[in-house]
Amino acid sequence: MQEVRKHEEAFHDFGKRFLFAIIHIGVVLGCISLAFLANALMLAVLIGLSGTLALIRGFLVSTRLRQAPETFLFATRDDYASCR
């Protein structure tokens, strides 16, 4: 059973990385077309950098949520329980 779980995790991790690569290629191609066809180099650079950072942040957050959802962003369930 544990072997099946590891296989499923590897499959989902590969799927996330593949989706990340496809979306990043789309962002890069959009920025290249914006830079060359619309002659908006600075806007293309800003969109490219911010899009790449947003994709990396989203990938890291989704990975962090899958590994330990109860300790997301360094807060534990005990921290929330003490606020009540």
C-alpha atoms as a PDB file:
ATOM      1  CA  MET A   1       0.000   0.000   0.000  1.00  0.00           C
ATOM      2  CA  GLN A   2       2.833   2.369   0.796  1.00  0.00           C
ATOM      3  CA  GLU A   3       4.349   1.665  -2.623  1.00  0.00           C
ATOM      4  CA  VAL A   4       1.125   2.732  -4.331  1.00  0.00           C
ATOM      5  CA  ARG A   5       1.036   5.943  -2.278  1.00  0.00           C
ATOM      6  CA  LYS A   6       4.625   6.794  -3.263  1.00  0.00           C
ATOM      7  CA  HIS A   7       3.776   6.132  -6.908  1.00  0.00           C
ATOM      8  CA  GLU A   8       0.739   8.435  -6.715  1.00  0.00           C
ATOM      9  CA  GLU A   9       2.814  11.192  -5.096  1.00  0.00           C
ATOM     10  CA  ALA A  10       5.472  10.880  -7.796  1.00  0.00           C
ATOM     11  CA  PHE A  11       2.775  11.016 -10.469  1.00  0.00           C
ATOM     12  CA  HIS A  12       1.207  14.161  -8.992  1.00  0.00           C
ATOM     13  CA  ASP A  13       4.606  15.820  -8.535  1.00  0.00           C
ATOM     14  CA  PHE A  14       5.466  15.133 -12.166  1.00  0.00           C
ATOM     15  CA  GLY A  15       2.090  16.527 -13.240  1.00  0.00           C
ATOM     16  CA  LYS A  16       2.681  19.742 -11.290  1.00  0.00           C
ATOM     17  CA  ARG A  17       6.151  20.184 -12.746  1.00  0.00           C
ATOM     18  CA  PHE A  18       4.877  19.532 -16.261  1.00  0.00           C
ATOM     19  CA  LEU A  19       2.059  22.060 -15.789  1.00  0.00           C
ATOM     20  CA  PHE A  20       4.562  24.569 -14.378  1.00  0.00           C
ATOM     21  CA  ALA A  21       6.779  24.113 -17.446  1.00  0.00           C
ATOM     22  CA  ILE A  22       3.888  24.536 -19.897  1.00  0.00           C
ATOM     23  CA  ILE A  23       2.595  27.685 -18.166  1.00  0.00           C
ATOM     24  CA  HIS A  24       6.105  29.121 -17.940  1.00  0.00           C
ATOM     25  CA  ILE A  25       6.660  28.521 -21.655  1.00  0.00           C
ATOM     26  CA  GLY A  26       3.390  30.381 -22.308  1.00  0.00           C
ATOM     27  CA  VAL A  27       4.500  33.317 -20.158  1.00  0.00           C
ATOM     28  CA  VAL A  28       7.881  33.473 -21.889  1.00  0.00           C
ATOM     29  CA  LEU A  29       6.361  33.290 -25.375  1.00  0.00           C
ATOM     30  CA  GLY A  30       3.839  35.990 -24.463  1.00  0.00           C
ATOM     31  CA  CYS A  31       6.620  38.232 -23.194  1.00  0.00           C
ATOM     32  CA  ILE A  32       8.737  37.667 -26.284  1.00  0.00           C
ATOM     33  CA  SER A  33       5.824  38.546 -28.553  1.00  0.00           C
ATOM     34  CA  LEU A  34       5.066  41.604 -26.432  1.00  0.00           C
ATOM     35  CA  ALA A  35       8.677  42.747 -26.609  1.00  0.00           C
ATOM     36  CA  PHE A  36       9.155  42.272 -30.338  1.00  0.00           C
ATOM     37  CA  LEU A  37       5.722  42.791 -31.870  1.00  0.00           C
ATOM     38  CA  ALA A  38       4.376  45.517 -29.582  1.00  0.00           C
ATOM     39  CA  ASN A  39       7.798  47.098 -28.949  1.00  0.00           C
ATOM     40  CA  ALA A  40       7.129  47.165 -25.186  1.00  0.00           C
ATOM     41  CA  LEU A  41      10.388  45.798 -23.831  1.00  0.00           C
ATOM     42  CA  MET A  42      10.111  47.049 -20.237  1.00  0.00           C
ATOM     43  CA  LEU A  43       6.536  45.828 -19.871  1.00  0.00           C
ATOM     44  CA  ALA A  44       7.551  42.430 -21.238  1.00  0.00           C
ATOM     45  CA  VAL A  45      10.434  42.177 -18.763  1.00  0.00           C
ATOM     46  CA  LEU A  46       8.202  43.149 -15.831  1.00  0.00           C
ATOM     47  CA  ILE A  47       5.481  40.691 -16.814  1.00  0.00           C
ATOM     48  CA  GLY A  48       8.057  37.961 -17.406  1.00  0.00           C
ATOM     49  CA  LEU A  49       9.754  38.411 -14.038  1.00  0.00           C
ATOM     50  CA  SER A  50       6.549  38.789 -12.061  1.00  0.00           C
ATOM     51  CA  GLY A  51       4.934  35.851 -13.874  1.00  0.00           C
ATOM     52  CA  THR A  52       7.924  33.636 -13.198  1.00  0.00           C
ATOM     53  CA  LEU A  53       8.009  34.618  -9.522  1.00  0.00           C
ATOM     54  CA  ALA A  54       4.265  34.049  -9.204  1.00  0.00           C
ATOM     55  CA  LEU A  55       4.571  30.602 -10.769  1.00  0.00           C
ATOM     56  CA  ILE A  56       7.445  29.642  -8.473  1.00  0.00           C
ATOM     57  CA  ARG A  57       5.584  30.930  -5.417  1.00  0.00           C
ATOM     58  CA  GLY A  58       2.444  29.043  -6.397  1.00  0.00           C
ATOM     59  CA  PHE A  59       4.429  25.870  -6.955  1.00  0.00           C
ATOM     60  CA  LEU A  60       6.126  26.184  -3.567  1.00  0.00           C
ATOM     61  CA  VAL A  61       2.872  26.957  -1.753  1.00  0.00           C
ATOM     62  CA  SER A  62       1.076  24.001  -3.331  1.00  0.00           C
ATOM     63  CA  THR A  63       3.997  21.719  -2.453  1.00  0.00           C
ATOM     64  CA  ARG A  64       4.033  23.021   1.115  1.00  0.00           C
ATOM     65  CA  LEU A  65       0.280  22.482   1.472  1.00  0.00           C
ATOM     66  CA  ARG A  66       0.549  18.878   0.279  1.00  0.00           C
ATOM     67  CA  GLN A  67       3.398  18.011   2.628  1.00  0.00           C
ATOM     68  CA  ALA A  68       2.090  19.512   5.859  1.00  0.00           C
ATOM     69  CA  PRO A  69      -1.257  21.304   5.584  1.00  0.00           C
ATOM     70  CA  GLU A  70      -1.545  21.813   9.324  1.00  0.00           C
ATOM     71  CA  THR A  71       1.680  23.841   9.512  1.00  0.00           C
ATOM     72  CA  PHE A  72       1.133  26.122   6.527  1.00  0.00           C
ATOM     73  CA  LEU A  73       3.182  29.334   6.784  1.00  0.00           C
ATOM     74  CA  PHE A  74       4.714  28.300  10.113  1.00  0.00           C
ATOM     75  CA  ALA A  75       1.416  28.415  12.010  1.00  0.00           C
ATOM     76  CA  THR A  76       0.234  25.322  13.810  1.00  0.00           C
ATOM     77  CA  ARG A  77      -3.194  24.281  14.971  1.00  0.00           C
ATOM     78  CA  ASP A  78      -2.167  25.099  18.521  1.00  0.00           C
ATOM     79  CA  ASP A  79      -1.513  28.697  17.490  1.00  0.00           C
ATOM     80  CA  TYR A  80      -5.072  29.004  16.197  1.00  0.00           C
ATOM     81  CA  ALA A  81      -6.529  27.228  19.222  1.00  0.00           C
ATOM     82  CA  SER A  82      -4.861  29.698  21.588  1.00  0.00           C
ATOM     83  CA  CYS A  83      -6.580  32.606  19.791  1.00  0.00           C
ATOM     84  CA  ARG A  84     -10.088  31.365  20.627  1.00  0.00           C
END
